[in-house]
Amino acid sequence: MKRRDLIKIFGISAVGLATVPFWVDSWTADELPQANVDIDDDQKLMLAGMIETIIPATDTPGAKELEVDRFVLVMVSDCFDKEVQTEFAGGFDEVNRASKDRFEKAFLNLSDAEKHEVLNKMLEAEKASDRKINFVPFVKDLTVAGYTSSKYVLENIMDYEQVPSRWDGSFPVNQEKYYNA
């Protein structure tokens, strides 16, 4: 193994360890640091529309209400190299191109069903060999990770308790079951 490759692996590992609190602990949008990804406001709106399509609101808040788009931007900014960040920013053009090819409208102007159709079509597409990420599956994975690790979901849906959780050391034991075997 070359020394440069080893240094790169250690650097990526250090970034991963720096973001461990997001994965181990729950998060809220107010607690997230500022993301440093080079995308414009229209792309941010597209990302919000994409995550809303991936996890829509039902009787529980959807990904957009929990501001998972901010989580996705922070993860892309802090955990991935510049090449992936550049491909991420270019992925929005791919989504717009696909929506214009299929419906002759920009992604933001599509109905929910049309957005769903465009994203599903792009989920099935193979990743180009010269690319590091496949944009829509990449966004979907980060959306699911962000949604399931959000404070609201952990506390209200998954009944998660922060470490150290309670310990109930006193419970009835059926002595016949354990001592008369």
N, C-alpha and C. Protein backbone atom coordinates (compact mmCIF):
# COMPACT_ATOMS: atom_id res chain seq x y z
N MET A 1 0.84 -1.18 0.00
CA MET A 1 0.00 0.00 0.00
C MET A 1 0.88 1.24 0.00
N LYS A 2 0.51 2.20 -0.81
CA LYS A 2 1.27 3.43 -0.89
C LYS A 2 0.96 4.34 0.29
N ARG A 3 1.94 5.12 0.67
CA ARG A 3 1.78 6.01 1.81
C ARG A 3 0.66 7.02 1.58
N ARG A 4 0.51 7.53 0.36
CA ARG A 4 -0.55 8.50 0.06
C ARG A 4 -1.93 7.89 0.24
N ASP A 5 -2.08 6.63 -0.19
CA ASP A 5 -3.37 5.95 -0.01
C ASP A 5 -3.69 5.78 1.46
N LEU A 6 -2.67 5.43 2.24
CA LEU A 6 -2.87 5.25 3.67
C LEU A 6 -3.27 6.56 4.34
N ILE A 7 -2.60 7.65 3.96
CA ILE A 7 -2.94 8.97 4.52
C ILE A 7 -4.36 9.36 4.13
N LYS A 8 -4.75 9.06 2.89
CA LYS A 8 -6.12 9.37 2.44
C LYS A 8 -7.14 8.58 3.27
N ILE A 9 -6.86 7.30 3.50
CA ILE A 9 -7.77 6.46 4.30
C ILE A 9 -7.89 7.00 5.72
N PHE A 10 -6.75 7.37 6.32
CA PHE A 10 -6.79 7.94 7.66
C PHE A 10 -7.56 9.25 7.70
N GLY A 11 -7.40 10.08 6.67
CA GLY A 11 -8.12 11.35 6.60
C GLY A 11 -9.62 11.14 6.51
N ILE A 12 -10.03 10.20 5.65
CA ILE A 12 -11.47 9.91 5.53
C ILE A 12 -12.00 9.33 6.82
N SER A 13 -11.21 8.47 7.48
CA SER A 13 -11.64 7.89 8.76
C SER A 13 -11.79 8.97 9.82
N ALA A 14 -10.89 9.94 9.83
CA ALA A 14 -10.97 11.03 10.81
C ALA A 14 -12.24 11.84 10.60
N VAL A 15 -12.59 12.11 9.34
CA VAL A 15 -13.83 12.84 9.05
C VAL A 15 -15.02 12.01 9.51
N GLY A 16 -14.98 10.71 9.26
CA GLY A 16 -16.07 9.83 9.69
C GLY A 16 -16.21 9.84 11.20
N LEU A 17 -15.08 9.78 11.92
CA LEU A 17 -15.14 9.81 13.37
C LEU A 17 -15.64 11.15 13.90
N ALA A 18 -15.32 12.22 13.19
CA ALA A 18 -15.78 13.54 13.62
C ALA A 18 -17.30 13.67 13.51
N THR A 19 -17.90 12.90 12.60
CA THR A 19 -19.35 12.99 12.43
C THR A 19 -20.09 11.87 13.15
N VAL A 20 -19.38 11.04 13.91
CA VAL A 20 -20.03 9.96 14.64
C VAL A 20 -21.16 10.44 15.54
N PRO A 21 -21.03 11.59 16.21
CA PRO A 21 -22.15 12.01 17.05
C PRO A 21 -23.48 12.12 16.31
N PHE A 22 -23.46 12.43 15.00
CA PHE A 22 -24.71 12.49 14.25
C PHE A 22 -25.33 11.12 14.12
N TRP A 23 -24.52 10.07 14.04
CA TRP A 23 -25.06 8.73 13.82
C TRP A 23 -25.37 8.04 15.14
N VAL A 24 -24.58 8.31 16.18
CA VAL A 24 -24.79 7.66 17.46
C VAL A 24 -25.91 8.33 18.22
N ASP A 25 -26.00 9.61 18.11
CA ASP A 25 -26.95 10.41 18.86
C ASP A 25 -28.03 10.92 17.91
N SER A 26 -29.09 11.40 18.46
CA SER A 26 -30.13 11.99 17.63
C SER A 26 -29.73 13.42 17.29
N TRP A 27 -30.40 14.00 16.30
CA TRP A 27 -30.09 15.36 15.88
C TRP A 27 -31.38 16.12 15.61
N THR A 28 -31.27 17.43 15.70
CA THR A 28 -32.33 18.32 15.25
C THR A 28 -31.68 19.32 14.29
N ALA A 29 -32.47 19.97 13.49
CA ALA A 29 -31.94 20.91 12.49
C ALA A 29 -31.18 22.05 13.15
N ASP A 30 -31.59 22.45 14.34
CA ASP A 30 -30.91 23.55 15.04
C ASP A 30 -29.50 23.17 15.47
N GLU A 31 -29.25 21.87 15.68
CA GLU A 31 -27.95 21.41 16.16
C GLU A 31 -26.95 21.18 15.03
N LEU A 32 -27.42 21.15 13.79
CA LEU A 32 -26.53 20.87 12.66
C LEU A 32 -25.62 22.04 12.37
N PRO A 33 -24.34 21.76 12.05
CA PRO A 33 -23.46 22.87 11.65
C PRO A 33 -23.82 23.37 10.26
N GLN A 34 -23.23 24.47 9.88
CA GLN A 34 -23.47 25.04 8.55
C GLN A 34 -22.79 24.17 7.50
N ALA A 35 -23.51 23.81 6.45
CA ALA A 35 -22.96 22.99 5.36
C ALA A 35 -22.19 23.88 4.40
N ASN A 36 -21.12 23.34 3.86
CA ASN A 36 -20.28 24.09 2.93
C ASN A 36 -20.28 23.38 1.58
N VAL A 37 -21.44 23.31 0.95
CA VAL A 37 -21.58 22.67 -0.35
C VAL A 37 -21.93 23.76 -1.36
N ASP A 38 -21.30 23.71 -2.51
CA ASP A 38 -21.48 24.75 -3.51
C ASP A 38 -22.70 24.46 -4.39
N ILE A 39 -23.89 24.72 -3.85
CA ILE A 39 -25.12 24.60 -4.64
C ILE A 39 -25.94 25.87 -4.45
N ASP A 40 -26.77 26.18 -5.45
CA ASP A 40 -27.56 27.41 -5.38
C ASP A 40 -28.92 27.15 -4.72
N ASP A 41 -29.72 28.20 -4.60
CA ASP A 41 -31.01 28.10 -3.90
C ASP A 41 -31.99 27.18 -4.63
N ASP A 42 -31.98 27.19 -5.97
CA ASP A 42 -32.86 26.29 -6.73
C ASP A 42 -32.50 24.83 -6.46
N GLN A 43 -31.22 24.54 -6.36
CA GLN A 43 -30.80 23.18 -6.07
C GLN A 43 -31.19 22.77 -4.65
N LYS A 44 -31.14 23.72 -3.73
CA LYS A 44 -31.59 23.43 -2.36
C LYS A 44 -33.08 23.13 -2.35
N LEU A 45 -33.86 23.89 -3.15
CA LEU A 45 -35.29 23.61 -3.25
C LEU A 45 -35.54 22.25 -3.90
N MET A 46 -34.74 21.92 -4.91
CA MET A 46 -34.87 20.60 -5.54
C MET A 46 -34.57 19.49 -4.54
N LEU A 47 -33.53 19.67 -3.73
CA LEU A 47 -33.20 18.67 -2.71
C LEU A 47 -34.34 18.50 -1.73
N ALA A 48 -34.93 19.62 -1.30
CA ALA A 48 -36.09 19.54 -0.39
C ALA A 48 -37.25 18.81 -1.06
N GLY A 49 -37.49 19.06 -2.36
CA GLY A 49 -38.54 18.35 -3.08
C GLY A 49 -38.24 16.88 -3.23
N MET A 50 -36.98 16.53 -3.42
CA MET A 50 -36.59 15.13 -3.55
C MET A 50 -36.81 14.38 -2.24
N ILE A 51 -36.35 14.97 -1.13
CA ILE A 51 -36.50 14.26 0.14
C ILE A 51 -37.96 14.18 0.56
N GLU A 52 -38.75 15.18 0.17
CA GLU A 52 -40.18 15.13 0.45
C GLU A 52 -40.84 14.01 -0.34
N THR A 53 -40.35 13.76 -1.55
CA THR A 53 -40.88 12.67 -2.37
C THR A 53 -40.43 11.32 -1.82
N ILE A 54 -39.21 11.24 -1.32
CA ILE A 54 -38.69 9.99 -0.78
C ILE A 54 -39.39 9.60 0.51
N ILE A 55 -39.55 10.55 1.44
CA ILE A 55 -40.26 10.29 2.70
C ILE A 55 -41.29 11.39 2.90
N PRO A 56 -42.49 11.19 2.36
CA PRO A 56 -43.52 12.23 2.47
C PRO A 56 -44.15 12.24 3.87
N ALA A 57 -44.80 13.35 4.17
CA ALA A 57 -45.51 13.47 5.44
C ALA A 57 -46.79 12.64 5.38
N THR A 58 -47.06 11.94 6.45
CA THR A 58 -48.33 11.21 6.62
C THR A 58 -48.90 11.68 7.94
N ASP A 59 -49.27 10.76 8.83
CA ASP A 59 -49.69 11.17 10.16
C ASP A 59 -48.47 11.54 11.02
N THR A 60 -47.28 11.28 10.50
CA THR A 60 -46.04 11.71 11.13
C THR A 60 -45.35 12.71 10.19
N PRO A 61 -44.49 13.55 10.70
CA PRO A 61 -43.79 14.49 9.83
C PRO A 61 -42.92 13.77 8.81
N GLY A 62 -42.85 14.33 7.63
CA GLY A 62 -42.01 13.78 6.59
C GLY A 62 -40.59 14.33 6.70
N ALA A 63 -39.76 13.94 5.74
CA ALA A 63 -38.36 14.35 5.76
C ALA A 63 -38.21 15.87 5.60
N LYS A 64 -39.09 16.49 4.84
CA LYS A 64 -38.99 17.94 4.64
C LYS A 64 -39.28 18.68 5.93
N GLU A 65 -40.31 18.25 6.67
CA GLU A 65 -40.66 18.92 7.94
C GLU A 65 -39.55 18.78 8.96
N LEU A 66 -38.81 17.66 8.92
CA LEU A 66 -37.72 17.46 9.87
C LEU A 66 -36.40 18.06 9.37
N GLU A 67 -36.44 18.71 8.20
CA GLU A 67 -35.30 19.38 7.59
C GLU A 67 -34.14 18.42 7.34
N VAL A 68 -34.47 17.25 6.82
CA VAL A 68 -33.45 16.26 6.49
C VAL A 68 -32.56 16.77 5.36
N ASP A 69 -33.06 17.70 4.55
CA ASP A 69 -32.22 18.26 3.48
C ASP A 69 -30.97 18.93 4.06
N ARG A 70 -31.10 19.56 5.21
CA ARG A 70 -29.94 20.16 5.87
C ARG A 70 -28.97 19.08 6.33
N PHE A 71 -29.50 17.97 6.84
CA PHE A 71 -28.66 16.84 7.24
C PHE A 71 -27.88 16.30 6.04
N VAL A 72 -28.57 16.14 4.90
CA VAL A 72 -27.91 15.63 3.69
C VAL A 72 -26.78 16.57 3.28
N LEU A 73 -27.03 17.86 3.29
CA LEU A 73 -26.00 18.83 2.90
C LEU A 73 -24.80 18.79 3.85
N VAL A 74 -25.05 18.65 5.15
CA VAL A 74 -23.95 18.58 6.11
C VAL A 74 -23.14 17.30 5.88
N MET A 75 -23.80 16.20 5.64
CA MET A 75 -23.08 14.95 5.41
C MET A 75 -22.24 15.04 4.14
N VAL A 76 -22.80 15.59 3.07
CA VAL A 76 -22.04 15.73 1.83
C VAL A 76 -20.86 16.67 2.05
N SER A 77 -21.08 17.75 2.76
CA SER A 77 -20.04 18.74 3.00
C SER A 77 -18.91 18.19 3.88
N ASP A 78 -19.25 17.47 4.92
CA ASP A 78 -18.26 17.07 5.92
C ASP A 78 -17.68 15.68 5.73
N CYS A 79 -18.35 14.82 4.99
CA CYS A 79 -17.92 13.43 4.94
C CYS A 79 -17.41 12.97 3.57
N PHE A 80 -17.54 13.78 2.56
CA PHE A 80 -17.15 13.36 1.22
C PHE A 80 -16.17 14.36 0.61
N ASP A 81 -15.31 13.83 -0.26
CA ASP A 81 -14.29 14.67 -0.88
C ASP A 81 -14.89 15.59 -1.93
N LYS A 82 -14.06 16.48 -2.45
CA LYS A 82 -14.51 17.50 -3.41
C LYS A 82 -15.09 16.87 -4.68
N GLU A 83 -14.52 15.76 -5.12
CA GLU A 83 -15.02 15.12 -6.34
C GLU A 83 -16.47 14.65 -6.16
N VAL A 84 -16.77 14.06 -5.02
CA VAL A 84 -18.14 13.63 -4.74
C VAL A 84 -19.05 14.84 -4.59
N GLN A 85 -18.57 15.89 -3.94
CA GLN A 85 -19.37 17.11 -3.79
C GLN A 85 -19.70 17.72 -5.15
N THR A 86 -18.74 17.69 -6.07
CA THR A 86 -18.97 18.23 -7.41
C THR A 86 -19.99 17.37 -8.16
N GLU A 87 -19.87 16.05 -8.05
CA GLU A 87 -20.85 15.16 -8.68
C GLU A 87 -22.23 15.35 -8.07
N PHE A 88 -22.27 15.57 -6.75
CA PHE A 88 -23.54 15.83 -6.06
C PHE A 88 -24.19 17.08 -6.63
N ALA A 89 -23.43 18.15 -6.77
CA ALA A 89 -23.98 19.40 -7.30
C ALA A 89 -24.45 19.22 -8.75
N GLY A 90 -23.74 18.41 -9.52
CA GLY A 90 -24.13 18.15 -10.90
C GLY A 90 -25.34 17.22 -11.02
N GLY A 91 -25.63 16.48 -9.98
CA GLY A 91 -26.76 15.55 -10.01
C GLY A 91 -28.10 16.24 -10.17
N PHE A 92 -28.20 17.47 -9.70
CA PHE A 92 -29.45 18.21 -9.83
C PHE A 92 -29.77 18.49 -11.30
N ASP A 93 -28.72 18.73 -12.09
CA ASP A 93 -28.92 18.94 -13.53
C ASP A 93 -29.43 17.66 -14.19
N GLU A 94 -28.93 16.51 -13.73
CA GLU A 94 -29.40 15.22 -14.25
C GLU A 94 -30.89 15.03 -13.95
N VAL A 95 -31.30 15.37 -12.76
CA VAL A 95 -32.71 15.21 -12.37
C VAL A 95 -33.58 16.14 -13.21
N ASN A 96 -33.15 17.38 -13.38
CA ASN A 96 -33.91 18.32 -14.22
C ASN A 96 -33.98 17.85 -15.66
N ARG A 97 -32.87 17.33 -16.17
CA ARG A 97 -32.85 16.82 -17.54
C ARG A 97 -33.82 15.63 -17.69
N ALA A 98 -33.82 14.74 -16.72
CA ALA A 98 -34.72 13.58 -16.77
C ALA A 98 -36.18 14.01 -16.69
N SER A 99 -36.47 15.00 -15.86
CA SER A 99 -37.86 15.46 -15.74
C SER A 99 -38.30 16.20 -16.99
N LYS A 100 -37.40 16.95 -17.63
CA LYS A 100 -37.75 17.64 -18.88
C LYS A 100 -37.91 16.65 -20.02
N ASP A 101 -37.10 15.59 -20.04
CA ASP A 101 -37.25 14.56 -21.07
C ASP A 101 -38.58 13.83 -20.95
N ARG A 102 -38.99 13.57 -19.72
CA ARG A 102 -40.20 12.78 -19.50
C ARG A 102 -41.47 13.64 -19.52
N PHE A 103 -41.44 14.79 -18.87
CA PHE A 103 -42.65 15.61 -18.71
C PHE A 103 -42.56 17.01 -19.30
N GLU A 104 -41.42 17.37 -19.85
CA GLU A 104 -41.20 18.69 -20.45
C GLU A 104 -41.37 19.82 -19.44
N LYS A 105 -41.06 19.53 -18.18
CA LYS A 105 -41.10 20.53 -17.11
C LYS A 105 -39.90 20.32 -16.20
N ALA A 106 -39.49 21.39 -15.53
CA ALA A 106 -38.44 21.28 -14.53
C ALA A 106 -38.95 20.47 -13.34
N PHE A 107 -38.04 19.88 -12.60
CA PHE A 107 -38.41 19.01 -11.48
C PHE A 107 -39.29 19.73 -10.46
N LEU A 108 -38.97 20.98 -10.17
CA LEU A 108 -39.75 21.72 -9.17
C LEU A 108 -41.19 21.98 -9.61
N ASN A 109 -41.47 21.92 -10.91
CA ASN A 109 -42.81 22.18 -11.42
C ASN A 109 -43.64 20.90 -11.60
N LEU A 110 -43.08 19.76 -11.25
CA LEU A 110 -43.80 18.50 -11.41
C LEU A 110 -44.75 18.26 -10.25
N SER A 111 -45.78 17.46 -10.50
CA SER A 111 -46.67 17.03 -9.42
C SER A 111 -45.94 15.97 -8.59
N ASP A 112 -46.50 15.62 -7.45
CA ASP A 112 -45.87 14.62 -6.59
C ASP A 112 -45.73 13.28 -7.30
N ALA A 113 -46.74 12.87 -8.04
CA ALA A 113 -46.69 11.59 -8.76
C ALA A 113 -45.61 11.63 -9.85
N GLU A 114 -45.49 12.75 -10.52
CA GLU A 114 -44.47 12.89 -11.57
C GLU A 114 -43.06 12.88 -10.97
N LYS A 115 -42.90 13.57 -9.84
CA LYS A 115 -41.60 13.55 -9.15
C LYS A 115 -41.23 12.12 -8.76
N HIS A 116 -42.20 11.41 -8.24
CA HIS A 116 -41.98 10.02 -7.83
C HIS A 116 -41.55 9.18 -9.02
N GLU A 117 -42.20 9.36 -10.15
CA GLU A 117 -41.87 8.60 -11.35
C GLU A 117 -40.45 8.90 -11.84
N VAL A 118 -40.08 10.17 -11.85
CA VAL A 118 -38.74 10.55 -12.31
C VAL A 118 -37.68 9.96 -11.38
N LEU A 119 -37.88 10.07 -10.07
CA LEU A 119 -36.89 9.55 -9.13
C LEU A 119 -36.79 8.03 -9.20
N ASN A 120 -37.93 7.35 -9.35
CA ASN A 120 -37.89 5.88 -9.47
C ASN A 120 -37.14 5.45 -10.73
N LYS A 121 -37.35 6.16 -11.81
CA LYS A 121 -36.65 5.85 -13.06
C LYS A 121 -35.14 6.03 -12.88
N MET A 122 -34.76 7.09 -12.18
CA MET A 122 -33.34 7.35 -11.96
C MET A 122 -32.73 6.39 -10.93
N LEU A 123 -33.54 5.86 -10.03
CA LEU A 123 -33.05 4.85 -9.08
C LEU A 123 -32.62 3.58 -9.80
N GLU A 124 -33.33 3.26 -10.87
CA GLU A 124 -33.05 2.03 -11.61
C GLU A 124 -31.83 2.16 -12.53
N ALA A 125 -31.42 3.38 -12.82
CA ALA A 125 -30.31 3.60 -13.76
C ALA A 125 -28.99 3.13 -13.15
N GLU A 126 -28.15 2.60 -13.99
CA GLU A 126 -26.81 2.16 -13.58
C GLU A 126 -25.90 3.37 -13.40
N LYS A 127 -24.96 3.25 -12.49
CA LYS A 127 -23.98 4.31 -12.26
C LYS A 127 -22.95 4.27 -13.40
N ALA A 128 -22.63 5.42 -13.93
CA ALA A 128 -21.61 5.51 -14.97
C ALA A 128 -20.26 5.11 -14.38
N SER A 129 -19.44 4.46 -15.17
CA SER A 129 -18.16 3.94 -14.66
C SER A 129 -17.19 5.04 -14.25
N ASP A 130 -17.34 6.22 -14.81
CA ASP A 130 -16.44 7.32 -14.47
C ASP A 130 -16.93 8.15 -13.29
N ARG A 131 -18.03 7.76 -12.68
CA ARG A 131 -18.62 8.51 -11.57
C ARG A 131 -18.37 7.80 -10.25
N LYS A 132 -18.31 8.55 -9.18
CA LYS A 132 -18.17 7.98 -7.85
C LYS A 132 -19.52 7.67 -7.22
N ILE A 133 -20.54 8.45 -7.57
CA ILE A 133 -21.87 8.26 -6.97
C ILE A 133 -22.93 8.16 -8.05
N ASN A 134 -24.00 7.49 -7.71
CA ASN A 134 -25.22 7.50 -8.51
C ASN A 134 -26.15 8.43 -7.74
N PHE A 135 -26.46 9.58 -8.28
CA PHE A 135 -27.04 10.69 -7.53
C PHE A 135 -28.30 10.35 -6.74
N VAL A 136 -29.32 9.83 -7.40
CA VAL A 136 -30.60 9.61 -6.70
C VAL A 136 -30.48 8.55 -5.60
N PRO A 137 -29.84 7.39 -5.84
CA PRO A 137 -29.66 6.45 -4.73
C PRO A 137 -28.82 7.03 -3.59
N PHE A 138 -27.85 7.86 -3.94
CA PHE A 138 -27.01 8.52 -2.93
C PHE A 138 -27.86 9.42 -2.04
N VAL A 139 -28.70 10.25 -2.67
CA VAL A 139 -29.58 11.15 -1.91
C VAL A 139 -30.59 10.34 -1.09
N LYS A 140 -31.11 9.28 -1.68
CA LYS A 140 -32.08 8.44 -0.96
C LYS A 140 -31.46 7.82 0.28
N ASP A 141 -30.25 7.28 0.16
CA ASP A 141 -29.58 6.68 1.31
C ASP A 141 -29.33 7.70 2.42
N LEU A 142 -28.86 8.88 2.05
CA LEU A 142 -28.63 9.91 3.06
C LEU A 142 -29.94 10.40 3.68
N THR A 143 -31.00 10.45 2.88
CA THR A 143 -32.30 10.87 3.40
C THR A 143 -32.82 9.88 4.43
N VAL A 144 -32.74 8.61 4.11
CA VAL A 144 -33.21 7.57 5.04
C VAL A 144 -32.36 7.59 6.31
N ALA A 145 -31.03 7.72 6.17
CA ALA A 145 -30.16 7.79 7.34
C ALA A 145 -30.49 9.00 8.19
N GLY A 146 -30.70 10.15 7.57
CA GLY A 146 -31.01 11.36 8.31
C GLY A 146 -32.36 11.29 8.99
N TYR A 147 -33.35 10.75 8.29
CA TYR A 147 -34.69 10.66 8.85
C TYR A 147 -34.71 9.71 10.06
N THR A 148 -34.10 8.55 9.90
CA THR A 148 -34.15 7.55 10.97
C THR A 148 -33.27 7.91 12.16
N SER A 149 -32.34 8.85 11.99
CA SER A 149 -31.51 9.26 13.12
C SER A 149 -31.93 10.62 13.68
N SER A 150 -33.02 11.18 13.18
CA SER A 150 -33.50 12.46 13.71
C SER A 150 -34.10 12.26 15.10
N LYS A 151 -34.02 13.28 15.89
CA LYS A 151 -34.50 13.21 17.27
C LYS A 151 -35.99 12.87 17.33
N TYR A 152 -36.78 13.48 16.43
CA TYR A 152 -38.22 13.21 16.43
C TYR A 152 -38.51 11.74 16.18
N VAL A 153 -37.89 11.16 15.16
CA VAL A 153 -38.17 9.77 14.81
C VAL A 153 -37.69 8.83 15.92
N LEU A 154 -36.49 9.08 16.43
CA LEU A 154 -35.96 8.20 17.47
C LEU A 154 -36.81 8.22 18.73
N GLU A 155 -37.25 9.39 19.13
CA GLU A 155 -37.99 9.49 20.38
C GLU A 155 -39.47 9.15 20.24
N ASN A 156 -40.09 9.49 19.11
CA ASN A 156 -41.54 9.33 18.98
C ASN A 156 -41.98 8.11 18.19
N ILE A 157 -41.15 7.60 17.32
CA ILE A 157 -41.54 6.46 16.50
C ILE A 157 -40.82 5.19 16.94
N MET A 158 -39.52 5.29 17.18
CA MET A 158 -38.73 4.11 17.52
C MET A 158 -38.61 3.88 19.02
N ASP A 159 -39.15 4.77 19.83
CA ASP A 159 -39.11 4.65 21.28
C ASP A 159 -37.68 4.47 21.79
N TYR A 160 -36.78 5.25 21.23
CA TYR A 160 -35.36 5.20 21.56
C TYR A 160 -35.08 5.96 22.84
N GLU A 161 -34.17 5.42 23.63
CA GLU A 161 -33.73 6.12 24.83
C GLU A 161 -32.25 6.39 24.71
N GLN A 162 -31.85 7.60 25.05
CA GLN A 162 -30.43 7.96 24.98
C GLN A 162 -29.62 7.09 25.94
N VAL A 163 -28.39 6.83 25.57
CA VAL A 163 -27.49 6.06 26.43
C VAL A 163 -27.03 6.97 27.55
N PRO A 164 -26.96 6.59 28.79
CA PRO A 164 -27.40 5.31 29.31
C PRO A 164 -28.90 5.33 29.54
N SER A 165 -29.56 4.34 29.04
CA SER A 165 -31.01 4.26 29.23
C SER A 165 -31.29 3.67 30.60
N ARG A 166 -32.55 3.59 30.93
CA ARG A 166 -32.89 3.09 32.26
C ARG A 166 -32.62 1.59 32.35
N TRP A 167 -32.43 1.13 33.55
CA TRP A 167 -32.22 -0.28 33.81
C TRP A 167 -33.22 -0.71 34.85
N ASP A 168 -34.01 -1.68 34.53
CA ASP A 168 -35.02 -2.19 35.46
C ASP A 168 -34.53 -3.53 35.97
N GLY A 169 -33.87 -3.51 37.12
CA GLY A 169 -33.29 -4.73 37.67
C GLY A 169 -34.25 -5.52 38.53
N SER A 170 -35.44 -5.02 38.71
CA SER A 170 -36.40 -5.70 39.56
C SER A 170 -37.60 -6.12 38.73
N PHE A 171 -37.70 -7.42 38.49
CA PHE A 171 -38.85 -7.94 37.77
C PHE A 171 -39.14 -9.33 38.29
N PRO A 172 -40.38 -9.78 38.22
CA PRO A 172 -40.72 -11.09 38.77
C PRO A 172 -40.12 -12.23 37.94
N VAL A 173 -39.63 -13.24 38.64
CA VAL A 173 -39.05 -14.41 37.98
C VAL A 173 -39.89 -15.62 38.39
N ASN A 174 -40.22 -16.43 37.42
CA ASN A 174 -40.95 -17.66 37.68
C ASN A 174 -39.92 -18.70 38.14
N GLN A 175 -39.83 -18.90 39.46
CA GLN A 175 -38.78 -19.78 40.00
C GLN A 175 -38.97 -21.24 39.56
N GLU A 176 -40.20 -21.68 39.39
CA GLU A 176 -40.43 -23.06 38.98
C GLU A 176 -39.82 -23.33 37.60
N LYS A 177 -39.91 -22.37 36.72
CA LYS A 177 -39.40 -22.53 35.38
C LYS A 177 -37.87 -22.70 35.38
N TYR A 178 -37.19 -21.99 36.25
CA TYR A 178 -35.74 -22.00 36.22
C TYR A 178 -35.10 -23.01 37.18
N TYR A 179 -35.79 -23.37 38.26
CA TYR A 179 -35.15 -24.25 39.26
C TYR A 179 -35.66 -25.68 39.22
N ASN A 180 -36.72 -25.97 38.54
CA ASN A 180 -37.24 -27.34 38.47
C ASN A 180 -37.01 -27.96 37.10
N ALA A 181 -35.92 -27.68 36.50
CA ALA A 181 -35.65 -28.20 35.16
C ALA A 181 -35.04 -29.58 35.19
